[in-house]
Protein backbone atom coordinates (compact mmCIF):
# COMPACT_ATOMS: atom_id res chain seq x y z
CA MET A 1 232.59 -11.91 66.91
CA ALA A 2 231.81 -8.08 67.45
CA GLU A 3 228.84 -8.93 69.65
CA GLU A 4 230.88 -11.33 71.72
CA LEU A 5 233.72 -8.72 72.37
CA LEU A 6 231.01 -6.18 73.42
CA SER A 7 229.14 -8.62 76.01
CA GLU A 8 231.23 -7.84 79.07
CA ASN A 9 229.83 -5.53 81.68
CA ASP A 10 231.36 -6.22 84.84
CA ALA A 11 233.35 -2.95 85.35
CA LYS A 12 232.25 0.57 86.11
CA GLU A 13 231.92 2.89 83.06
CA GLY A 14 234.99 5.42 82.81
CA GLN A 15 237.32 3.47 84.87
CA LEU A 16 240.93 4.47 84.88
CA THR A 17 242.89 1.51 83.64
CA LYS A 18 246.69 0.98 83.71
CA SER A 19 246.87 1.05 79.87
CA LEU A 20 245.13 4.37 79.53
CA LEU A 21 247.26 5.86 82.17
CA ALA A 22 250.38 4.58 80.44
CA VAL A 23 249.46 5.67 77.13
CA ALA A 24 248.65 9.21 78.54
CA PHE A 25 251.94 9.51 80.31
CA LEU A 26 253.97 7.96 77.46
CA ALA A 27 252.64 10.26 74.66
CA SER A 28 253.03 13.60 76.96
CA PHE A 29 256.48 12.39 78.21
CA GLY A 30 257.77 11.98 74.64
CA SER A 31 256.06 15.14 73.19
CA SER A 32 254.55 17.74 75.55
CA MET A 33 257.44 17.77 78.07
CA LEU A 34 259.74 18.31 75.02
CA TYR A 35 257.72 21.59 74.30
CA GLY A 36 258.09 22.74 77.90
CA PHE A 37 261.78 21.79 78.04
CA ASN A 38 262.51 23.61 74.81
CA LEU A 39 260.73 26.72 75.90
CA ALA A 40 263.00 27.17 79.06
CA VAL A 41 266.42 25.49 78.06
CA VAL A 42 267.89 28.22 76.31
CA ASN A 43 267.44 30.63 79.41
CA SER A 44 270.43 29.38 81.53
CA PRO A 45 273.09 29.18 78.85
CA ALA A 46 272.08 32.43 77.10
CA GLN A 47 275.40 33.97 77.84
CA TYR A 48 277.40 30.97 76.73
CA ILE A 49 275.51 30.75 73.59
CA LYS A 50 275.89 34.28 72.85
CA ASP A 51 279.88 33.85 73.47
CA PHE A 52 279.97 30.66 71.19
CA TYR A 53 278.17 32.90 68.31
CA ASN A 54 280.81 35.53 68.88
CA GLU A 55 283.92 33.22 68.71
CA SER A 56 282.44 31.41 65.57
CA LEU A 57 281.70 34.59 63.60
CA VAL A 58 285.24 35.75 64.29
CA GLU A 59 286.85 32.66 63.37
CA SER A 60 284.80 32.03 60.14
CA TYR A 61 284.25 35.52 58.94
CA ASN A 62 286.65 37.68 60.86
CA TRP A 63 283.76 39.63 62.02
CA THR A 64 283.24 40.72 65.52
CA PRO A 65 279.50 41.41 66.07
CA ASP A 66 278.54 44.05 68.80
CA GLU A 67 276.28 43.34 71.63
CA GLN A 68 273.15 44.41 69.62
CA ASN A 69 273.91 41.98 66.76
CA LEU A 70 274.51 39.05 69.40
CA THR A 71 271.43 39.91 71.08
CA LEU A 72 269.64 39.79 67.83
CA LEU A 73 271.02 36.38 66.92
CA TYR A 74 270.13 35.05 70.33
CA SER A 75 266.60 36.44 69.84
CA VAL A 76 266.42 34.59 66.53
CA THR A 77 267.41 31.30 68.23
CA VAL A 78 264.72 31.87 70.89
CA SER A 79 261.92 32.93 68.59
CA ILE A 80 262.56 30.45 65.64
CA PHE A 81 261.18 27.80 67.88
CA ALA A 82 257.81 29.51 67.50
CA ILE A 83 258.25 29.76 63.85
CA GLY A 84 258.90 26.05 63.67
CA GLY A 85 255.70 25.49 66.03
CA MET A 86 253.41 27.51 63.44
CA THR A 87 254.92 25.24 60.72
CA GLY A 88 254.09 22.09 62.41
CA ALA A 89 250.52 23.40 63.57
CA LEU A 90 249.86 23.88 59.83
CA LEU A 91 250.62 20.32 59.16
CA VAL A 92 248.46 18.77 61.83
CA GLY A 93 245.31 18.16 59.82
CA LYS A 94 246.82 16.37 56.87
CA LEU A 95 249.26 14.27 59.09
CA VAL A 96 246.56 13.03 61.71
CA THR A 97 244.06 12.22 58.72
CA ARG A 98 246.78 10.13 56.74
CA TYR A 99 248.75 8.53 59.69
CA GLY A 100 246.05 8.64 62.53
CA ARG A 101 246.81 10.11 65.86
CA LYS A 102 249.38 7.83 67.40
CA GLY A 103 251.03 7.12 63.93
CA THR A 104 251.76 10.94 63.74
CA LEU A 105 253.27 11.10 67.11
CA VAL A 106 255.64 8.35 66.44
CA LYS A 107 256.65 9.35 62.82
CA SER A 108 257.12 12.93 63.99
CA SER A 109 259.65 11.92 66.47
CA VAL A 110 262.34 11.73 63.75
CA LEU A 111 262.35 15.58 63.82
CA VAL A 112 263.72 15.55 67.57
CA PHE A 113 266.60 13.32 66.67
CA ILE A 114 267.59 15.60 63.67
CA GLY A 115 266.99 18.76 65.74
CA GLY A 116 268.91 17.21 68.75
CA ALA A 117 271.87 16.15 66.67
CA LEU A 118 272.13 19.47 65.14
CA MET A 119 272.32 21.15 68.38
CA ALA A 120 274.63 18.44 69.93
CA PHE A 121 277.45 18.92 67.15
CA SER A 122 277.00 22.69 66.63
CA ARG A 123 279.87 23.73 69.01
CA ARG A 124 282.18 21.15 67.67
CA CYS A 125 281.37 22.23 64.03
CA ARG A 126 281.58 25.89 64.90
CA LEU A 127 278.36 26.54 63.24
CA PRO A 128 275.79 28.84 64.99
CA SER A 129 273.43 28.09 62.14
CA MET A 130 273.04 24.45 63.34
CA VAL A 131 271.73 25.76 66.75
CA ILE A 132 269.11 27.89 64.96
CA LEU A 133 268.08 25.08 62.56
CA GLY A 134 267.94 22.52 65.38
CA ARG A 135 265.62 24.95 67.34
CA TYR A 136 263.45 25.22 64.25
CA ILE A 137 263.19 21.68 63.52
CA THR A 138 262.17 20.72 67.36
CA GLY A 139 259.73 23.67 67.04
CA ILE A 140 258.08 21.77 64.10
CA HIS A 141 257.82 18.61 66.30
CA SER A 142 256.57 20.64 69.35
CA GLY A 143 253.87 22.45 66.95
CA ILE A 144 252.69 18.96 65.77
CA CYS A 145 252.43 17.18 69.22
CA LEU A 146 251.08 20.27 71.01
CA SER A 147 247.82 19.70 69.01
CA VAL A 148 248.03 16.04 68.38
CA VAL A 149 248.70 14.60 72.04
CA PRO A 150 245.47 16.27 73.45
CA MET A 151 243.48 15.08 70.36
CA TYR A 152 244.86 11.74 70.99
CA LEU A 153 243.97 11.56 74.59
CA GLY A 154 240.58 13.28 74.26
CA GLU A 155 239.37 10.53 71.70
CA ILE A 156 240.70 7.58 73.88
CA ALA A 157 239.42 8.71 77.07
CA PRO A 158 235.93 7.96 78.25
CA LYS A 159 233.76 10.93 78.98
CA SER A 160 234.22 10.66 82.81
CA LEU A 161 237.85 10.70 82.45
CA ARG A 162 238.61 13.21 79.49
CA GLY A 163 239.29 16.23 81.61
CA PHE A 164 241.90 14.48 83.76
CA LEU A 165 243.65 12.83 80.83
CA GLY A 166 243.52 15.86 78.81
CA LEU A 167 245.47 17.81 81.22
CA ILE A 168 248.26 15.24 81.74
CA PRO A 169 249.92 16.86 78.35
CA SER A 170 249.68 20.50 80.25
CA LEU A 171 251.20 18.76 83.42
CA HIS A 172 254.20 17.51 81.36
CA ILE A 173 254.75 20.94 79.76
CA CYS A 174 255.10 22.16 83.34
CA LEU A 175 257.39 19.33 84.31
CA GLY A 176 259.76 19.87 81.17
CA VAL A 177 260.01 23.68 82.09
CA PHE A 178 260.96 22.66 85.65
CA ILE A 179 263.52 19.88 84.36
CA ALA A 180 265.15 22.42 82.18
CA GLN A 181 265.56 24.84 84.87
CA VAL A 182 266.96 22.25 87.14
CA LEU A 183 269.33 20.92 84.61
CA GLY A 184 270.46 24.52 83.78
CA LEU A 185 271.59 25.07 87.15
CA ASP A 186 275.44 25.96 87.27
CA ASP A 187 275.96 22.69 89.72
CA LEU A 188 274.71 20.45 86.84
CA LEU A 189 274.61 21.28 83.01
CA GLY A 190 274.97 25.00 83.39
CA LYS A 191 278.53 25.36 82.63
CA GLU A 192 280.09 26.67 79.26
CA GLU A 193 281.03 23.35 77.88
CA ASP A 194 277.82 21.38 78.58
CA TRP A 195 275.33 23.54 76.98
CA PRO A 196 275.12 21.46 73.55
CA LEU A 197 274.47 18.36 75.68
CA LEU A 198 271.77 20.22 77.57
CA LEU A 199 269.92 21.45 74.33
CA SER A 200 270.16 17.87 72.74
CA LEU A 201 268.83 16.06 75.74
CA VAL A 202 265.20 16.19 73.95
CA VAL A 203 266.37 12.95 71.97
CA PHE A 204 266.05 10.71 75.13
CA PRO A 205 262.32 11.14 75.98
CA ALA A 206 261.53 10.98 72.03
CA LEU A 207 263.35 7.68 71.75
CA VAL A 208 261.45 6.20 74.74
CA GLN A 209 258.32 7.21 72.87
CA VAL A 210 259.47 5.55 69.62
CA VAL A 211 260.20 2.39 71.18
CA LEU A 212 257.06 2.01 73.37
CA LEU A 213 254.15 3.89 71.77
CA PRO A 214 253.79 1.77 68.58
CA TRP A 215 252.75 -0.98 70.93
CA PHE A 216 249.58 0.96 72.08
CA PRO A 217 246.36 1.05 69.80
CA GLU A 218 245.23 3.91 67.75
CA SER A 219 242.45 6.15 68.55
CA PRO A 220 239.20 4.09 68.41
CA ARG A 221 237.21 7.05 67.08
CA TYR A 222 239.55 7.47 64.20
CA LEU A 223 239.31 3.94 63.35
CA LEU A 224 235.66 3.61 63.51
CA ILE A 225 234.63 7.11 62.07
CA GLU A 226 237.40 7.79 59.45
CA LYS A 227 238.49 4.19 58.64
CA GLY A 228 235.34 2.42 59.23
CA ASN A 229 237.35 -0.54 60.73
CA VAL A 230 234.86 -1.73 63.41
CA HIS A 231 236.85 -4.65 64.73
CA ALA A 232 240.05 -2.61 65.02
CA THR A 233 237.91 -0.16 67.05
CA ILE A 234 236.47 -2.72 69.54
CA SER A 235 239.97 -4.16 69.95
CA ALA A 236 241.22 -0.64 70.73
CA LEU A 237 238.48 -0.22 73.16
CA LYS A 238 239.23 -3.48 74.92
CA TRP A 239 242.67 -2.67 75.21
CA PHE A 240 242.23 0.88 76.88
CA ARG A 241 238.99 -0.34 78.92
CA LYS A 242 240.02 -3.79 79.62
CA LYS A 243 236.69 -4.76 81.29
CA GLY A 244 233.32 -3.24 80.82
CA ASN A 245 230.47 -2.77 78.33
CA ILE A 246 231.86 -0.79 75.54
CA GLN A 247 228.67 -1.10 73.72
CA ALA A 248 227.39 2.46 74.30
CA GLU A 249 230.88 3.86 73.28
CA VAL A 250 230.76 1.99 69.87
CA GLU A 251 227.05 3.31 69.40
CA GLU A 252 228.06 6.80 70.33
CA MET A 253 230.82 6.77 67.74
CA GLN A 254 228.48 5.38 65.07
CA GLU A 255 225.70 8.24 65.83
CA GLU A 256 228.48 10.72 65.38
CA GLN A 257 229.43 8.92 62.23
CA ARG A 258 225.94 9.13 60.98
CA SER A 259 225.63 12.63 61.71
CA LEU A 260 228.68 13.74 59.83
CA SER A 261 228.74 15.02 56.12
CA SER A 262 231.16 12.40 54.97
CA ILE A 263 234.18 10.39 56.10
CA GLN A 264 236.31 13.21 54.74
CA THR A 265 237.51 15.76 56.97
CA TYR A 266 236.96 19.54 56.68
CA SER A 267 239.79 21.88 55.69
CA VAL A 268 240.61 24.92 57.58
CA CYS A 269 238.76 26.89 54.85
CA GLY A 270 235.66 24.48 55.25
CA LEU A 271 235.91 24.93 58.96
CA LEU A 272 235.77 28.79 58.86
CA GLN A 273 232.98 28.89 56.35
CA ASP A 274 230.74 26.24 58.33
CA ARG A 275 228.03 28.19 60.23
CA CYS A 276 227.17 25.20 62.27
CA VAL A 277 230.62 25.46 64.24
CA ARG A 278 230.66 29.38 64.21
CA TRP A 279 230.77 29.65 68.00
CA GLN A 280 233.13 26.71 68.47
CA VAL A 281 235.41 28.28 66.18
CA ILE A 282 235.15 31.75 68.10
CA THR A 283 235.86 30.12 71.23
CA ILE A 284 239.07 28.46 70.29
CA VAL A 285 240.06 31.66 68.98
CA VAL A 286 239.47 33.58 71.97
CA LEU A 287 241.03 30.77 74.32
CA ASN A 288 244.24 30.18 72.32
CA ILE A 289 244.93 34.01 71.83
CA GLY A 290 243.86 34.68 75.30
CA MET A 291 246.34 32.14 76.72
CA GLN A 292 249.33 33.54 75.27
CA LEU A 293 248.34 37.21 75.55
CA SER A 294 247.55 36.66 79.22
CA GLY A 295 250.96 37.88 80.11
CA ILE A 296 252.39 34.62 81.02
CA ASP A 297 255.23 34.85 78.43
CA ALA A 298 255.97 38.36 79.65
CA ILE A 299 256.26 37.17 83.20
CA TRP A 300 259.13 34.78 82.01
CA PHE A 301 260.80 37.76 80.12
CA TYR A 302 260.59 39.98 83.09
CA THR A 303 260.94 37.55 86.19
CA ASN A 304 264.63 38.14 87.03
CA GLU A 305 264.15 41.81 86.86
CA ILE A 306 261.30 41.37 89.24
CA PHE A 307 263.34 39.11 91.47
CA LYS A 308 266.35 41.76 91.62
CA ASN A 309 264.04 44.48 92.43
CA ALA A 310 262.76 42.52 95.26
CA GLY A 311 266.37 42.39 96.85
CA ILE A 312 267.11 38.64 95.94
CA GLN A 313 270.80 38.23 95.22
CA GLU A 314 271.75 37.46 91.73
CA PRO A 315 273.46 33.98 92.43
CA LEU A 316 270.20 32.91 94.13
CA ILE A 317 267.86 34.08 91.39
CA GLN A 318 268.39 30.90 89.35
CA TYR A 319 267.25 29.05 92.38
CA THR A 320 264.38 31.12 92.83
CA THR A 321 263.30 30.63 89.32
CA VAL A 322 263.56 26.79 89.77
CA GLY A 323 261.05 27.41 92.64
CA THR A 324 258.61 28.81 90.34
CA GLY A 325 258.94 26.03 88.04
CA ALA A 326 258.01 23.75 90.98
CA ILE A 327 255.00 25.79 91.67
CA GLU A 328 253.92 25.20 87.89
CA VAL A 329 254.26 21.57 88.48
CA ILE A 330 252.25 21.74 91.67
CA SER A 331 249.55 23.87 90.05
CA GLY A 332 249.41 21.33 87.14
CA VAL A 333 248.78 18.39 89.32
CA LEU A 334 246.12 20.27 91.15
CA GLY A 335 244.41 21.03 88.01
CA CYS A 336 244.47 17.41 86.78
CA PHE A 337 242.94 16.11 89.84
CA THR A 338 240.17 18.87 90.15
CA ILE A 339 238.91 19.18 86.58
CA GLU A 340 236.63 16.21 86.81
CA ARG A 341 235.10 17.50 90.09
CA VAL A 342 234.78 21.17 89.20
CA GLY A 343 234.44 21.10 85.51
CA ARG A 344 236.35 23.01 82.87
CA ARG A 345 234.56 26.62 83.30
CA PRO A 346 235.61 27.15 86.83
CA LEU A 347 239.30 26.35 85.87
CA ILE A 348 239.05 28.66 82.96
CA ILE A 349 237.23 31.29 84.74
CA GLY A 350 239.20 31.22 88.00
CA GLY A 351 242.42 30.94 86.30
CA PHE A 352 242.00 33.93 84.02
CA LEU A 353 240.58 36.17 86.89
CA PHE A 354 243.38 35.48 89.30
CA MET A 355 245.84 36.08 86.64
CA GLY A 356 244.21 39.42 85.76
CA ILE A 357 244.27 40.48 89.51
CA CYS A 358 247.86 39.49 89.65
CA CYS A 359 248.67 41.27 86.63
CA ALA A 360 247.02 44.52 88.12
CA GLY A 361 249.08 43.82 91.35
CA ILE A 362 252.48 44.07 89.61
CA THR A 363 251.57 47.44 88.03
CA VAL A 364 250.62 48.72 91.32
CA SER A 365 253.51 47.14 93.16
CA ALA A 366 255.99 48.30 90.48
CA LEU A 367 254.60 52.10 90.89
CA PHE A 368 254.80 52.18 94.54
CA GLN A 369 257.94 49.83 95.48
CA THR A 370 260.15 52.81 95.67
CA ARG A 371 258.26 54.21 98.23
CA LEU A 372 256.87 51.15 100.03
CA ALA A 373 259.40 48.49 100.64
CA PHE A 374 256.89 45.83 101.00
CA MET A 375 255.39 46.36 97.54
CA ARG A 376 258.61 44.23 96.35
CA TYR A 377 257.34 41.06 97.74
CA ILE A 378 253.86 41.78 96.45
CA SER A 379 255.44 41.90 93.22
CA VAL A 380 257.03 38.63 93.69
CA GLY A 381 253.77 37.14 95.02
CA CYS A 382 252.08 38.31 91.97
CA VAL A 383 254.42 36.78 89.56
CA VAL A 384 253.90 33.46 91.47
CA GLY A 385 250.23 33.89 91.34
CA ILE A 386 250.23 34.41 87.62
CA ILE A 387 252.12 31.27 87.28
CA ALA A 388 249.95 29.29 89.53
CA GLY A 389 246.64 30.69 87.90
CA PHE A 390 248.07 29.82 84.46
CA CYS A 391 249.19 26.21 85.01
CA ILE A 392 245.97 25.32 86.92
CA GLY A 393 243.63 25.83 84.01
CA PRO A 394 244.40 28.23 81.19
CA ALA A 395 247.64 26.37 80.33
CA GLY A 396 245.69 23.05 79.46
CA VAL A 397 242.00 23.52 79.26
CA PRO A 398 242.06 25.25 75.83
CA PHE A 399 243.87 22.09 74.12
CA LEU A 400 241.28 19.73 75.83
CA ILE A 401 238.35 21.78 74.98
CA THR A 402 239.25 21.98 71.35
CA ALA A 403 238.88 18.30 71.28
CA GLU A 404 235.46 18.15 72.91
CA LEU A 405 233.85 21.27 70.96
CA PHE A 406 234.39 19.54 67.68
CA LYS A 407 233.03 16.34 66.05
CA GLN A 408 235.48 14.10 64.25
CA SER A 409 235.25 15.63 60.68
CA HIS A 410 236.18 19.12 62.16
CA ARG A 411 238.71 18.16 64.83
CA PRO A 412 241.89 18.32 62.72
CA ALA A 413 241.14 21.49 61.24
CA ALA A 414 240.01 22.98 64.57
CA TYR A 415 243.52 21.77 65.99
CA THR A 416 245.29 23.48 63.21
CA VAL A 417 243.57 26.77 63.54
CA ALA A 418 244.02 26.74 67.40
CA GLY A 419 247.71 25.57 67.00
CA VAL A 420 248.75 28.31 64.48
CA LEU A 421 246.75 30.86 66.63
CA ASN A 422 248.58 29.98 69.80
CA TRP A 423 252.06 29.96 68.25
CA LEU A 424 251.42 33.23 66.49
CA SER A 425 250.39 34.84 69.65
CA ASN A 426 253.36 33.31 71.45
CA PHE A 427 255.64 34.77 68.81
CA THR A 428 254.32 37.98 68.80
CA ILE A 429 254.22 38.77 72.63
CA GLY A 430 257.73 37.66 72.62
CA PHE A 431 258.65 40.04 69.73
CA ILE A 432 256.79 43.11 70.91
CA PHE A 433 256.90 42.81 74.75
CA PRO A 434 260.40 44.30 75.15
CA PHE A 435 259.10 47.42 73.12
CA LEU A 436 255.84 47.67 74.71
CA GLU A 437 257.55 47.56 78.19
CA ILE A 438 259.89 50.28 77.08
CA ALA A 439 256.90 52.35 75.88
CA THR A 440 254.44 51.88 78.91
CA GLY A 441 256.57 50.79 81.64
CA PRO A 442 254.67 48.65 84.28
CA TYR A 443 251.36 49.98 82.77
CA CYS A 444 251.85 47.27 80.11
CA TYR A 445 250.57 44.48 82.58
CA LEU A 446 247.19 46.30 82.64
CA ILE A 447 246.69 45.24 79.05
CA PHE A 448 247.11 41.57 80.05
CA CYS A 449 244.84 42.28 82.94
CA ALA A 450 242.15 43.51 80.60
CA ILE A 451 242.82 40.60 78.21
CA CYS A 452 242.43 38.14 81.23
CA PHE A 453 239.27 39.52 82.31
CA GLY A 454 237.77 39.73 78.97
CA VAL A 455 238.49 36.03 78.47
CA ALA A 456 236.92 35.21 81.83
CA ILE A 457 233.83 37.08 80.84
CA TYR A 458 233.69 35.53 77.39
CA THR A 459 233.67 31.97 79.16
CA ILE A 460 230.96 32.86 81.56
CA PHE A 461 228.42 34.12 78.88
CA VAL A 462 229.34 31.76 75.89
CA ILE A 463 231.18 28.40 76.65
CA PRO A 464 228.95 25.64 78.27
CA GLU A 465 230.22 23.05 80.71
CA THR A 466 231.44 20.10 78.74
CA LYS A 467 232.26 17.76 81.70
CA ASN A 468 231.02 14.20 81.44
CA LYS A 469 229.31 15.08 78.02
CA THR A 470 229.75 13.13 74.82
CA PHE A 471 230.85 14.78 71.50
CA MET A 472 227.32 14.52 70.24
CA GLU A 473 225.81 16.25 73.37
CA ILE A 474 228.42 19.16 73.32
CA SER A 475 227.63 19.51 69.58
CA GLN A 476 223.97 19.83 70.26
CA MET A 477 224.40 22.48 72.94
CA PHE A 478 226.42 24.65 70.47
CA ALA A 479 223.73 24.08 67.81
CA LYS A 480 221.29 26.21 69.98
CA LYS A 481 224.05 28.99 69.85
CA ASN A 482 224.46 28.81 66.17
CA ASN A 483 220.73 28.83 65.71
CA VAL A 484 221.23 25.89 63.52
CA LEU A 485 217.76 24.26 64.22
CA GLU A 486 215.79 27.42 63.80
CA GLU A 487 217.42 28.56 60.50
CA GLU A 488 217.46 25.48 58.86
CA LEU A 489 213.70 25.12 58.87
CA THR A 490 213.94 27.70 56.05
CA SER A 491 217.33 27.07 54.71
CA ASN A 492 219.13 24.15 53.31
CA GLY A 493 222.68 25.01 54.10
CA HIS A 494 223.47 23.52 57.38
CA LEU A 495 224.49 19.81 57.27
CA LYS A 496 226.06 18.78 54.15
CA MET A 497 225.34 14.87 53.68
CA ALA A 498 227.14 12.41 51.61
CA LEU A 499 224.83 10.82 49.04
CA MET A 500 224.52 6.95 49.00
CA ASN A 501 225.74 5.33 45.96
CA GLY A 502 224.24 2.25 44.31
CA TYR A 503 226.37 0.03 46.73
CA GLY A 504 225.06 1.28 49.90
CA THR A 505 228.25 3.18 50.76
CA LEU A 506 228.83 6.72 51.20
CA GLY A 507 229.61 8.68 48.12
CA GLN A 508 231.98 11.91 48.28
CA ARG A 509 229.39 14.35 46.58
CA PRO A 510 227.52 16.48 49.41
CA HIS A 511 223.87 17.42 49.59
CA SER A 512 222.07 19.58 51.73
CA CYS A 513 219.03 18.46 53.74
CA PHE A 514 216.04 20.64 54.42
CA ARG A 515 216.64 20.75 58.24
CA ALA A 516 219.44 20.10 60.50
CA GLY A 517 220.56 16.52 61.27
CA GLY A 518 219.34 14.73 58.15
CA PHE A 519 220.24 11.10 57.88
CA PHE A 520 220.45 8.53 55.01
CA LEU A 521 218.52 5.37 55.31
CA GLN A 522 220.88 2.43 55.32
CA SER A 523 218.55 -0.30 53.73
CA PRO A 524 219.30 -1.16 50.16
CA ASP A 525 215.61 -2.16 49.95
CA GLU A 526 214.54 1.30 50.64
CA ARG A 527 216.80 2.70 47.92
CA ALA A 528 215.64 0.12 45.55
CA ALA A 529 212.03 1.02 46.14
CA LEU A 530 212.86 4.55 44.81
CA SER A 531 214.46 3.74 41.44
CA SER A 532 213.93 4.75 37.77
CA PRO A 533 215.82 4.14 34.83
CA ALA A 534 217.29 7.66 35.10
CA GLY A 535 218.86 7.26 38.44
CA ASN A 536 218.36 6.08 41.94
CA PHE A 537 216.45 7.68 44.41
CA ASP A 538 217.25 7.77 48.31
CA CYS A 539 214.69 8.48 51.04
CA ARG A 540 216.19 11.05 53.54
CA LEU A 541 214.53 11.95 56.92
CA CYS A 542 214.86 15.53 58.12
CA THR A 543 214.67 15.73 61.69
CA PRO A 544 217.00 17.18 64.57
CA PRO A 545 219.67 14.78 65.48
CA SER A 546 218.31 14.09 68.78
CA ASP A 547 215.45 12.49 67.37
CA THR A 548 215.67 8.62 67.69
CA GLU A 549 213.03 8.07 64.95
CA ALA A 550 215.50 9.30 62.33
CA PHE A 551 217.01 5.55 62.39
CA GLN A 552 213.57 3.81 62.00
CA ARG A 553 212.36 2.38 58.75
CA ALA A 554 210.16 4.16 56.15
CA ASN A 555 207.82 2.86 53.90
CA CYS A 556 208.67 4.94 50.89
CA ASP A 557 205.93 5.18 48.08
CA PRO A 558 207.82 4.10 44.90
CA ASN A 559 205.31 6.43 43.05
CA GLU A 560 206.91 9.43 44.69
CA LYS A 561 209.55 9.87 41.84
CA SER A 562 210.01 11.73 38.73
CA SER A 563 209.69 9.52 35.55
CA ALA A 564 212.25 11.67 33.78
CA GLY A 565 214.69 10.74 36.74
CA GLY A 566 214.85 14.29 38.28
CA ARG A 567 214.04 15.70 41.57
CA ARG A 568 210.43 16.80 41.81
CA GLU A 569 210.06 19.81 43.86
CA GLY A 570 207.47 19.46 46.85
CA LYS A 571 207.18 15.58 46.37
CA ARG A 572 207.40 14.16 49.94
CA VAL A 573 206.44 10.97 51.82
CA GLY A 574 204.73 11.27 55.04
CA PHE A 575 205.57 8.69 57.62
CA TRP A 576 204.82 8.66 61.42
CA GLY A 577 204.38 12.56 61.36
CA LYS A 578 207.79 13.04 59.81
CA THR A 579 209.01 14.36 56.49
CA TRP A 580 210.69 12.08 54.06
CA ASN A 581 212.22 13.71 50.98
CA CYS A 582 212.94 11.53 47.82
CA VAL A 583 215.91 13.07 45.97
CA ASN A 584 217.57 11.90 42.88
CA SER A 585 221.15 10.51 43.86
CA SER A 586 222.34 10.78 40.24
CA GLN A 587 221.59 14.33 39.91
CA THR A 588 223.96 17.09 40.84
CA HIS A 589 222.55 19.31 43.54
């Protein structure tokens, strides 16, 4: 039956289908957009929220807080969202392994309903804590989805569309910010009595996702590599591809499955200790920290003051801010439609370099705007430039590239690390920037400038282009940087392989091959040929993963075994110029 399902080949590889586009927009609409919405939604009603806190504390505790305490409460309301995000990011690995990618998105939506309800009824209940708790819970949801959505889309997309689909979540984040800015206008929901409704609107996109997303398939890579369900994998691919030869995709997944240490995923500690993904881990650390420390959050913090200094009247500032939100969306669309043409590297390098130049421009314009009037407008242009440069590449490519740099066993842990660092950096810059700005004045943007240039330089020299590459090809490109192939000629610590048990399935006990990329033979006959009363012997070919002869049968010599059942050092079987090691599967290594 599987062969029949794989037989069609009348469509171009990598064709964008309606089902692919629908699931990308649906997952992003009900998850990523809420992240952007929650980032910006508290800005417009800030004074109304402070007034509510003041009135509630007076009524409940007969305590009138001063302006400093009100500002502290409001800061907690804003920053607790990032704390929730870090909490959610820590849960990603376990959730996606247990429930799958799609399943995690659907199940986590309940957090939005709880958080939205708390914020909606907070004013009626006269409890400021309900607003703070609601923000924390919705932050957990965003922390989960900020990692899971690009992971899901990266796994269901053909390699030729992975960049386009991978930036759709980033586009929806920009769209969420823009919608929050528009709805927060005084003419719409920016009135005092409407702010609880404004904060609770997050439940509607989540409801759409809960109703519709279950009708779409789970990630094919998750179904095959982690669950071993070939028929469900083929059905999912047929749904997303509709027509075309999916044989190559299934074979590529099976090749990745064979190269993995086991069907179990790595923990965060295991990821950090694994030398064969050393540079991949460093890369996601640099990109995710650099994304938040690039100054983009500080720009949003400082935007209104920059606009005031430029001579824009205060009643018009909110409309100017909406204009910057529109620029975000336009830049996000531009990034989506150019990433498959120019690649990932140009968007990262160009985006960070442009942001760095604009950060330096803000410093220069702030220093001279009292003497040169036109410098005020340059500062506004630099703000717009930072926003545009960020949204066209650095806003979304780090999440996409995290999926591309790691194979299935490492990916959940990689997204956990990336998510925690992203949220921690977000919280840190939001917390320290006011003090940094007081201490250094406009020179603080030179720090952001240096960070942007540093990330761009790192990308130039370290990160390879991943456009139109399979996950295995990307892994092999980084293997050279990690010195895996050379080091493993003399070391046995690279790739941990799960031993075959007597029934021809993967066991859970790891074993190290003598060279990188060892593969177990799948034939029971070959295992039976190397047996003794004390244990079963398996033949293992030690060869780089790219060597196709790794999958050919070997005529193992039954005499190459230890009569005592233990592994005999130096006993090997030669076959076609390759080296096969006979090891005892019943002995702990």
